[in-house]
C-alpha atoms as a PDB file:
ATOM      1  CA  UNK A   1     204.299  78.794  61.084  1.00  0.00           C
ATOM      2  CA  UNK A   2     203.710  79.751  64.658  1.00  0.00           C
ATOM      3  CA  UNK A   3     200.838  79.765  67.082  1.00  0.00           C
ATOM      4  CA  UNK A   4     199.648  82.440  69.462  1.00  0.00           C
ATOM      5  CA  UNK A   5     197.742  81.336  72.538  1.00  0.00           C
ATOM      6  CA  UNK A   6     195.612  83.640  74.634  1.00  0.00           C
ATOM      7  CA  UNK A   7     193.131  83.116  77.426  1.00  0.00           C
ATOM      8  CA  UNK A   8     189.399  83.383  76.962  1.00  0.00           C
ATOM      9  CA  UNK A   9     187.146  85.157  76.501  1.00  0.00           C
ATOM     10  CA  UNK A  10     187.566  85.588  72.766  1.00  0.00           C
ATOM     11  CA  UNK A  11     188.579  89.117  71.796  1.00  0.00           C
ATOM     12  CA  UNK A  12     187.995  89.935  68.103  1.00  0.00           C
ATOM     13  CA  UNK A  13     189.761  93.298  68.358  1.00  0.00           C
ATOM     14  CA  UNK A  14     192.867  91.631  69.843  1.00  0.00           C
ATOM     15  CA  UNK A  15     192.830  89.035  67.065  1.00  0.00           C
ATOM     16  CA  UNK A  16     192.549  91.745  64.416  1.00  0.00           C
ATOM     17  CA  UNK A  17     195.467  93.659  65.951  1.00  0.00           C
ATOM     18  CA  UNK A  18     197.608  90.504  66.111  1.00  0.00           C
ATOM     19  CA  UNK A  19     196.782  89.596  62.520  1.00  0.00           C
ATOM     20  CA  UNK A  20     197.682  93.116  61.375  1.00  0.00           C
ATOM     21  CA  UNK A  21     201.054  92.913  63.153  1.00  0.00           C
ATOM     22  CA  UNK A  22     201.783  89.480  61.701  1.00  0.00           C
ATOM     23  CA  UNK A  23     200.767  90.599  58.196  1.00  0.00           C
ATOM     24  CA  UNK A  24     203.412  93.336  58.356  1.00  0.00           C
ATOM     25  CA  UNK A  25     205.969  90.485  58.350  1.00  0.00           C
ATOM     26  CA  UNK A  26     204.289  88.575  55.525  1.00  0.00           C
ATOM     27  CA  UNK A  27     202.286  86.209  57.729  1.00  0.00           C
ATOM     28  CA  UNK A  28     198.663  85.236  57.320  1.00  0.00           C
ATOM     29  CA  UNK A  29     196.110  83.706  59.645  1.00  0.00           C
ATOM     30  CA  UNK A  30     195.719  80.066  58.652  1.00  0.00           C
ATOM     31  CA  UNK A  31     193.587  78.620  61.423  1.00  0.00           C
ATOM     32  CA  UNK A  32     191.718  79.737  64.525  1.00  0.00           C
ATOM     33  CA  UNK A  33     190.944  77.174  67.197  1.00  0.00           C
ATOM     34  CA  UNK A  34     188.107  78.070  69.544  1.00  0.00           C
ATOM     35  CA  UNK A  35     188.500  77.874  73.276  1.00  0.00           C
ATOM     36  CA  UNK A  36     187.624  74.689  75.120  1.00  0.00           C
ATOM     37  CA  UNK A  37     187.114  73.892  78.787  1.00  0.00           C
ATOM     38  CA  UNK A  38     190.891  73.393  79.044  1.00  0.00           C
ATOM     39  CA  UNK A  39     192.452  75.804  76.563  1.00  0.00           C
ATOM     40  CA  UNK A  40     192.196  79.365  75.416  1.00  0.00           C
ATOM     41  CA  UNK A  41     192.114  80.551  71.815  1.00  0.00           C
ATOM     42  CA  UNK A  42     194.864  79.412  69.422  1.00  0.00           C
ATOM     43  CA  UNK A  43     195.720  81.399  66.299  1.00  0.00           C
ATOM     44  CA  UNK A  44     197.964  79.715  63.715  1.00  0.00           C
ATOM     45  CA  UNK A  45     199.886  81.941  61.314  1.00  0.00           C
ATOM     46  CA  UNK A  46     201.682  80.838  58.140  1.00  0.00           C
ATOM     47  CA  UNK A  47     204.751  82.428  56.562  1.00  0.00           C
ATOM     48  CA  UNK A  48     206.609  81.866  53.314  1.00  0.00           C
ATOM     49  CA  UNK A  49     209.832  83.136  54.900  1.00  0.00           C
ATOM     50  CA  UNK A  50     211.099  81.645  58.178  1.00  0.00           C
ATOM     51  CA  UNK A  51     213.254  84.710  58.918  1.00  0.00           C
ATOM     52  CA  UNK A  52     210.168  86.930  58.851  1.00  0.00           C
ATOM     53  CA  UNK A  53     208.333  84.452  61.078  1.00  0.00           C
ATOM     54  CA  UNK A  54     211.186  84.731  63.595  1.00  0.00           C
ATOM     55  CA  UNK A  55     211.050  88.528  63.491  1.00  0.00           C
ATOM     56  CA  UNK A  56     207.282  88.558  64.024  1.00  0.00           C
ATOM     57  CA  UNK A  57     207.506  86.030  66.862  1.00  0.00           C
ATOM     58  CA  UNK A  58     210.258  88.051  68.564  1.00  0.00           C
ATOM     59  CA  UNK A  59     208.195  91.228  68.355  1.00  0.00           C
ATOM     60  CA  UNK A  60     205.113  89.518  69.756  1.00  0.00           C
ATOM     61  CA  UNK A  61     207.148  87.988  72.612  1.00  0.00           C
ATOM     62  CA  UNK A  62     208.434  91.461  73.463  1.00  0.00           C
ATOM     63  CA  UNK A  63     204.885  92.757  73.890  1.00  0.00           C
ATOM     64  CA  UNK A  64     203.931  89.810  76.096  1.00  0.00           C
ATOM     65  CA  UNK A  65     202.165  87.424  73.719  1.00  0.00           C
ATOM     66  CA  UNK A  66     202.444  83.660  74.215  1.00  0.00           C
ATOM     67  CA  UNK A  67     203.976  82.488  70.928  1.00  0.00           C
ATOM     68  CA  UNK A  68     204.931  78.882  70.154  1.00  0.00           C
ATOM     69  CA  UNK A  69     207.331  78.583  67.242  1.00  0.00           C
ATOM     70  CA  UNK A  70     208.213  79.324  64.542  1.00  0.00           C
ATOM     71  CA  UNK A  71     208.276  75.709  63.498  1.00  0.00           C
ATOM     72  CA  UNK A  72     207.899  73.619  60.410  1.00  0.00           C
ATOM     73  CA  UNK A  73     205.027  71.201  59.993  1.00  0.00           C
ATOM     74  CA  UNK A  74     206.020  67.600  60.705  1.00  0.00           C
ATOM     75  CA  UNK A  75     206.619  65.576  57.568  1.00  0.00           C
END
């Protein structure tokens, strides 16, 4: 899984475009955290294949997105 952070305001068209890009690598949107007074929007994407998660994260980094991960959930 990895998370994408972006600053408010919420942008549904940006989120759709990100989700489409991630889906091309086999990822799926798992959770969307709304903005708060201290954070922007956080989108969490799940993958069945870590290699594809790495590829998607690399691509998104290259286009300037703030991506944290990929990482495994803590046990």
